[in-house]
Amino acid sequence: MPPNQLKIWNMSTSETEIKDVIKAWIAISIAFAIALSGFYEQMGVLLGKGVGFLGSFVITLMNLIASTDFYSKFMIASLTVGIGFLFHEMGHKIVAQRYGCFAEFRSFDNMLLLAIAMSFFGFIFAAPGAVMITGRVSKARSGRISAAGPVVNIALAMLFLALASLQLPNSLKPIAYYGFLINSWLALFNMIPFWLFDGYKILKWSKMAYGCIVALAFALMMLQRFIPAF
């Protein structure tokens, strides 16, 4: 095993991968926490009162940093978006390694900065990174590796949905609620059938598999309107 390589639960990893995963987890949790805290709406109130753009941004940012709500939203995001992102990528990694490929996650630092920047305006385009895979794989195996991520998010969405149906303490209700919403969205978002998205390789492999995953993810998204907010 190379000196930088580690074994965790029979899965090969490295110090570089662990650092990139932690970096991406923190960054997307910050981005979602900013968006969930209503930064853009609060800034809009100041703009409506005639405060300049820069002044409105700085004042809202200072209020955000001083607010306990932001830190609670960060914890919620780290346990919902963070887990959804981590398990999604590990799904790709585990299946790829089962097929004998080298597979490690690498963060896209520019995209992480973009996600945080856009979150100030109430919108997030989450592309924190990807599992880099080397090794020869067939079209079918490539499709299965790609399918692992959205399938994991669907499973997590169902788990959070089951938790949301229980009589949870008020402190845990937001985690179940947002965990369901975010993982449903991640599953469907990643099924976009364009290059770089999982859906592209899945569709090339099997139209039936693609249709089943999209149908499940879409059904979960539609269920959201029947799930009461916490």
Protein backbone atom coordinates (compact mmCIF):
# COMPACT_ATOMS: atom_id res chain seq x y z
CA MET A 1 0.00 0.00 0.00
CA PRO A 2 1.45 3.46 -0.91
CA PRO A 3 2.54 5.57 2.10
CA ASN A 4 -0.34 8.04 1.67
CA GLN A 5 -2.95 5.25 1.46
CA LEU A 6 -5.16 4.21 4.37
CA LYS A 7 -7.76 1.52 4.98
CA ILE A 8 -11.08 2.44 6.60
CA TRP A 9 -13.73 -0.29 6.92
CA ASN A 10 -11.98 -2.29 4.18
CA MET A 11 -12.15 0.76 1.88
CA SER A 12 -8.97 2.30 0.46
CA THR A 13 -8.58 6.03 1.00
CA SER A 14 -5.84 8.59 1.54
CA GLU A 15 -5.03 11.65 3.61
CA THR A 16 -5.65 13.79 0.52
CA GLU A 17 -9.12 12.34 0.02
CA ILE A 18 -10.04 12.75 3.68
CA LYS A 19 -8.95 16.41 3.62
CA ASP A 20 -10.93 17.05 0.42
CA VAL A 21 -14.05 15.39 1.83
CA ILE A 22 -13.88 17.45 5.04
CA LYS A 23 -13.25 20.65 3.06
CA ALA A 24 -16.22 20.02 0.76
CA TRP A 25 -18.48 18.95 3.65
CA ILE A 26 -17.78 22.17 5.58
CA ALA A 27 -18.11 24.40 2.50
CA ILE A 28 -21.46 23.06 1.31
CA SER A 29 -22.78 23.08 4.89
CA ILE A 30 -21.85 26.77 5.16
CA ALA A 31 -23.49 27.50 1.80
CA PHE A 32 -26.76 25.80 2.71
CA ALA A 33 -26.72 27.38 6.19
CA ILE A 34 -26.44 30.85 4.63
CA ALA A 35 -29.30 30.12 2.23
CA LEU A 36 -31.50 28.55 4.94
CA SER A 37 -30.87 31.53 7.23
CA GLY A 38 -32.59 33.82 4.73
CA PHE A 39 -29.56 36.04 4.08
CA TYR A 40 -30.88 37.27 0.73
CA GLU A 41 -34.30 38.16 2.16
CA GLN A 42 -32.77 40.04 5.11
CA MET A 43 -30.44 41.91 2.79
CA GLY A 44 -33.42 42.76 0.57
CA VAL A 45 -35.16 44.47 3.50
CA LEU A 46 -32.19 46.81 3.95
CA LEU A 47 -32.00 47.48 0.22
CA GLY A 48 -35.68 48.36 0.31
CA LYS A 49 -34.96 50.94 3.01
CA GLY A 50 -32.44 52.67 0.77
CA VAL A 51 -29.26 51.21 2.24
CA GLY A 52 -26.59 50.71 -0.45
CA PHE A 53 -25.69 47.26 -1.74
CA LEU A 54 -22.32 47.04 0.01
CA GLY A 55 -23.70 48.42 3.26
CA SER A 56 -26.66 46.03 3.15
CA PHE A 57 -24.34 43.09 2.50
CA VAL A 58 -21.94 43.94 5.34
CA ILE A 59 -24.71 44.62 7.87
CA THR A 60 -26.54 41.41 6.99
CA LEU A 61 -23.30 39.42 7.13
CA MET A 62 -22.45 40.82 10.58
CA ASN A 63 -25.96 40.01 11.82
CA LEU A 64 -25.62 36.50 10.41
CA ILE A 65 -22.30 35.86 12.16
CA ALA A 66 -23.74 37.13 15.45
CA SER A 67 -26.90 35.04 15.11
CA THR A 68 -27.26 31.69 16.86
CA ASP A 69 -29.76 30.75 14.13
CA PHE A 70 -26.95 30.56 11.57
CA TYR A 71 -24.98 28.09 13.67
CA SER A 72 -28.03 25.92 14.27
CA LYS A 73 -28.69 25.97 10.51
CA PHE A 74 -25.05 24.99 9.96
CA MET A 75 -25.47 21.97 12.22
CA ILE A 76 -28.67 20.99 10.41
CA ALA A 77 -26.96 21.39 7.03
CA SER A 78 -23.93 19.35 8.08
CA LEU A 79 -26.20 16.48 9.19
CA THR A 80 -28.43 16.58 6.10
CA VAL A 81 -26.60 18.04 3.11
CA GLY A 82 -23.25 16.89 4.49
CA ILE A 83 -24.36 13.31 5.02
CA GLY A 84 -26.19 13.26 1.69
CA PHE A 85 -23.10 14.50 -0.13
CA LEU A 86 -20.69 12.17 1.71
CA PHE A 87 -22.78 9.02 1.29
CA HIS A 88 -23.49 9.88 -2.36
CA GLU A 89 -19.79 10.10 -3.18
CA MET A 90 -18.91 7.07 -1.07
CA GLY A 91 -21.56 5.11 -2.98
CA HIS A 92 -19.67 5.81 -6.21
CA LYS A 93 -16.35 5.02 -4.56
CA ILE A 94 -17.36 1.69 -3.00
CA VAL A 95 -18.92 0.31 -6.19
CA ALA A 96 -15.93 1.47 -8.28
CA GLN A 97 -13.48 -0.18 -5.89
CA ARG A 98 -15.54 -3.37 -5.98
CA TYR A 99 -14.90 -3.40 -9.72
CA GLY A 100 -11.16 -3.09 -9.10
CA CYS A 101 -10.83 0.60 -9.97
CA PHE A 102 -8.85 3.26 -8.18
CA ALA A 103 -11.46 5.71 -6.86
CA GLU A 104 -10.93 8.78 -4.71
CA PHE A 105 -12.91 11.96 -4.09
CA ARG A 106 -11.39 15.30 -5.09
CA SER A 107 -12.98 18.61 -4.22
CA PHE A 108 -13.59 21.32 -6.82
CA ASP A 109 -12.37 24.30 -4.82
CA ASN A 110 -13.59 26.94 -7.30
CA MET A 111 -17.07 25.40 -7.29
CA LEU A 112 -17.09 25.36 -3.49
CA LEU A 113 -16.32 29.09 -3.45
CA LEU A 114 -19.00 29.65 -6.09
CA ALA A 115 -21.55 27.72 -4.02
CA ILE A 116 -20.84 29.91 -0.98
CA ALA A 117 -20.93 33.11 -3.06
CA MET A 118 -24.25 32.19 -4.68
CA SER A 119 -25.79 31.20 -1.34
CA PHE A 120 -25.73 34.87 -0.30
CA PHE A 121 -28.27 35.46 -3.05
CA GLY A 122 -30.52 32.55 -2.11
CA PHE A 123 -29.39 30.10 -4.78
CA ILE A 124 -27.00 27.17 -4.59
CA PHE A 125 -25.45 25.22 -7.42
CA ALA A 126 -23.81 22.38 -5.52
CA ALA A 127 -20.94 20.75 -7.38
CA PRO A 128 -18.51 20.20 -4.50
CA GLY A 129 -16.36 17.64 -6.28
CA ALA A 130 -16.38 14.16 -7.71
CA VAL A 131 -14.93 10.70 -7.26
CA MET A 132 -12.04 10.36 -9.69
CA ILE A 133 -11.99 6.84 -11.12
CA THR A 134 -9.18 5.21 -13.06
CA GLY A 135 -9.38 1.76 -14.55
CA ARG A 136 -11.11 0.12 -17.47
CA VAL A 137 -14.83 -0.40 -16.90
CA SER A 138 -17.59 -1.46 -19.26
CA LYS A 139 -20.56 0.77 -20.04
CA ALA A 140 -22.71 -1.33 -17.70
CA ARG A 141 -20.27 -1.06 -14.82
CA SER A 142 -19.85 2.66 -15.40
CA GLY A 143 -23.63 3.00 -15.26
CA ARG A 144 -23.84 1.05 -12.01
CA ILE A 145 -21.08 3.14 -10.45
CA SER A 146 -22.96 6.30 -11.42
CA ALA A 147 -26.30 4.92 -10.19
CA ALA A 148 -24.90 4.22 -6.72
CA GLY A 149 -24.90 7.92 -5.78
CA PRO A 150 -28.56 8.80 -6.53
CA VAL A 151 -29.73 5.45 -5.14
CA VAL A 152 -27.97 6.25 -1.85
CA ASN A 153 -29.72 9.65 -1.75
CA ILE A 154 -33.09 7.99 -2.38
CA ALA A 155 -32.43 5.56 0.49
CA LEU A 156 -31.42 8.44 2.78
CA ALA A 157 -34.52 10.43 1.78
CA MET A 158 -36.71 7.46 2.71
CA LEU A 159 -34.87 7.10 6.02
CA PHE A 160 -35.34 10.78 6.87
CA LEU A 161 -39.00 10.52 5.77
CA ALA A 162 -39.49 7.63 8.19
CA LEU A 163 -37.89 9.71 10.95
CA ALA A 164 -40.13 12.68 10.08
CA SER A 165 -43.21 10.49 10.61
CA LEU A 166 -42.19 9.81 14.22
CA GLN A 167 -42.91 11.94 17.26
CA LEU A 168 -39.49 13.53 17.41
CA PRO A 169 -38.27 16.17 19.85
CA ASN A 170 -38.47 19.68 18.38
CA SER A 171 -34.69 19.83 18.15
CA LEU A 172 -34.62 16.85 15.76
CA LYS A 173 -37.59 17.75 13.54
CA PRO A 174 -35.60 20.14 11.28
CA ILE A 175 -32.97 17.44 10.68
CA ALA A 176 -35.58 14.90 9.54
CA TYR A 177 -37.44 17.51 7.47
CA TYR A 178 -34.45 18.98 5.66
CA GLY A 179 -32.79 15.57 5.38
CA PHE A 180 -35.79 14.33 3.41
CA LEU A 181 -36.06 17.45 1.24
CA ILE A 182 -32.37 17.77 0.44
CA ASN A 183 -31.70 14.11 -0.32
CA SER A 184 -34.77 13.94 -2.58
CA TRP A 185 -33.47 16.99 -4.43
CA LEU A 186 -29.92 15.62 -4.66
CA ALA A 187 -31.18 12.35 -6.14
CA LEU A 188 -33.24 14.07 -8.84
CA PHE A 189 -30.65 16.79 -9.54
CA ASN A 190 -27.93 14.23 -10.19
CA MET A 191 -30.14 12.43 -12.72
CA ILE A 192 -29.88 15.31 -15.20
CA PRO A 193 -28.88 13.46 -18.41
CA PHE A 194 -25.98 15.72 -19.35
CA TRP A 195 -22.22 15.29 -19.21
CA LEU A 196 -20.71 15.36 -15.69
CA PHE A 197 -24.03 14.33 -14.10
CA ASP A 198 -24.71 10.75 -13.01
CA GLY A 199 -27.81 10.63 -15.17
CA TYR A 200 -25.75 10.84 -18.36
CA LYS A 201 -23.86 7.58 -17.75
CA ILE A 202 -26.90 5.82 -16.29
CA LEU A 203 -29.00 6.65 -19.36
CA LYS A 204 -26.23 5.40 -21.68
CA TRP A 205 -26.19 2.13 -19.72
CA SER A 206 -29.90 1.42 -19.18
CA LYS A 207 -32.99 3.44 -20.02
CA MET A 208 -35.01 1.26 -17.64
CA ALA A 209 -32.67 1.88 -14.70
CA TYR A 210 -32.64 5.59 -15.52
CA GLY A 211 -36.43 5.75 -15.66
CA CYS A 212 -36.87 3.86 -12.37
CA ILE A 213 -34.43 6.07 -10.47
CA VAL A 214 -35.93 9.28 -11.89
CA ALA A 215 -39.46 8.08 -11.08
CA LEU A 216 -38.51 7.29 -7.47
CA ALA A 217 -36.69 10.59 -6.99
CA PHE A 218 -39.55 12.54 -8.59
CA ALA A 219 -42.13 10.76 -6.42
CA LEU A 220 -40.16 11.72 -3.31
CA MET A 221 -40.01 15.33 -4.50
CA MET A 222 -43.79 15.33 -4.96
CA LEU A 223 -44.25 13.90 -1.46
CA GLN A 224 -42.67 17.03 -0.04
CA ARG A 225 -45.89 19.01 -0.41
CA PHE A 226 -47.58 16.57 1.98
CA ILE A 227 -44.86 16.71 4.64
CA PRO A 228 -45.62 19.49 7.15
CA ALA A 229 -42.75 21.82 7.92
CA PHE A 230 -41.40 21.52 11.44
